Amino acid sequence: MSTPATHVQQISYNPRQAAEATGLSEHTIRRLVRENKIAARYYGSSVLVDAESLTRFYRSLPSERQIDRECAANRGVA
């Protein structure tokens, strides 16, 4: 009889992991933390990027379709 797999939900990332998860650079992640666009906590000198905040930031970014529509609207194309 096998035991059920335990899934641990990650609640924070270090900047490298956050960069890998989003495709952004580590430098950009650190800048977003400094600008308070992504929440983080600190343990000594370690930066712990809040996973929920990172997800919210990602979901707030426009999709390609939104960008295309905005560009077309700015050009006067319907």
Protein backbone atom coordinates (compact mmCIF):
# COMPACT_ATOMS: atom_id res chain seq x y z
CA MET A 1 0.00 0.00 0.00
CA SER A 2 1.47 3.34 -1.02
CA THR A 3 1.24 6.48 1.03
CA PRO A 4 -0.31 9.56 -0.53
CA ALA A 5 2.17 12.09 -1.87
CA THR A 6 2.50 15.15 0.28
CA HIS A 7 2.44 18.38 -1.67
CA VAL A 8 4.14 21.32 0.01
CA GLN A 9 3.11 24.67 -1.43
CA GLN A 10 6.05 27.01 -1.78
CA ILE A 11 5.34 30.29 0.03
CA SER A 12 8.49 32.18 -0.93
CA TYR A 13 11.32 32.26 -3.44
CA ASN A 14 14.83 33.57 -3.32
CA PRO A 15 15.46 36.13 -6.10
CA ARG A 16 17.08 33.51 -8.37
CA GLN A 17 14.10 31.17 -8.03
CA ALA A 18 11.66 34.06 -8.61
CA ALA A 19 13.60 34.99 -11.75
CA GLU A 20 13.47 31.40 -13.01
CA ALA A 21 9.75 31.15 -12.24
CA THR A 22 8.88 34.33 -14.16
CA GLY A 23 11.50 34.47 -16.89
CA LEU A 24 12.64 37.86 -15.62
CA SER A 25 16.21 38.57 -14.60
CA GLU A 26 17.32 38.37 -10.98
CA HIS A 27 18.25 42.07 -11.23
CA THR A 28 14.67 42.90 -12.28
CA ILE A 29 13.22 40.85 -9.40
CA ARG A 30 15.43 42.71 -6.91
CA ARG A 31 14.39 46.06 -8.46
CA LEU A 32 10.70 45.14 -8.24
CA VAL A 33 11.19 44.28 -4.56
CA ARG A 34 12.97 47.62 -3.92
CA GLU A 35 10.13 49.45 -5.71
CA ASN A 36 7.56 47.58 -3.56
CA LYS A 37 5.93 46.08 -6.66
CA ILE A 38 6.58 42.58 -5.28
CA ALA A 39 6.39 41.84 -1.56
CA ALA A 40 9.39 40.33 0.19
CA ARG A 41 10.51 39.47 3.68
CA TYR A 42 14.01 39.34 5.01
CA TYR A 43 15.81 36.74 7.09
CA GLY A 44 19.16 38.28 7.88
CA SER A 45 20.58 39.19 4.49
CA SER A 46 18.35 36.71 2.65
CA VAL A 47 15.52 38.08 0.53
CA LEU A 48 12.38 35.92 0.50
CA VAL A 49 10.03 36.94 -2.33
CA ASP A 50 6.39 36.32 -1.46
CA ALA A 51 4.96 33.71 -3.85
CA GLU A 52 1.42 35.15 -3.85
CA SER A 53 2.73 38.64 -4.56
CA LEU A 54 4.86 37.30 -7.40
CA THR A 55 1.80 35.55 -8.88
CA ARG A 56 -0.32 38.72 -8.57
CA PHE A 57 2.39 40.77 -10.28
CA TYR A 58 2.65 38.24 -13.11
CA ARG A 59 -1.12 38.17 -13.63
CA SER A 60 -1.23 41.98 -13.71
CA LEU A 61 1.02 42.06 -16.78
CA PRO A 62 -0.74 42.57 -20.10
CA SER A 63 -1.16 39.68 -22.47
CA GLU A 64 0.14 39.95 -26.02
CA ARG A 65 -3.44 40.44 -27.23
CA GLN A 66 -3.92 43.42 -24.91
CA ILE A 67 -0.74 45.02 -26.21
CA ASP A 68 -1.77 44.42 -29.84
CA ARG A 69 -5.20 46.00 -29.20
CA GLU A 70 -3.68 49.03 -27.49
CA CYS A 71 -1.15 49.54 -30.29
CA ALA A 72 -3.89 49.25 -32.92
CA ALA A 73 -6.09 51.69 -31.00
CA ASN A 74 -3.21 54.17 -30.81
CA ARG A 75 -2.72 53.89 -34.58
CA GLY A 76 -6.44 54.31 -35.23
CA VAL A 77 -6.79 50.78 -36.60
CA ALA A 78 -10.00 48.96 -35.69
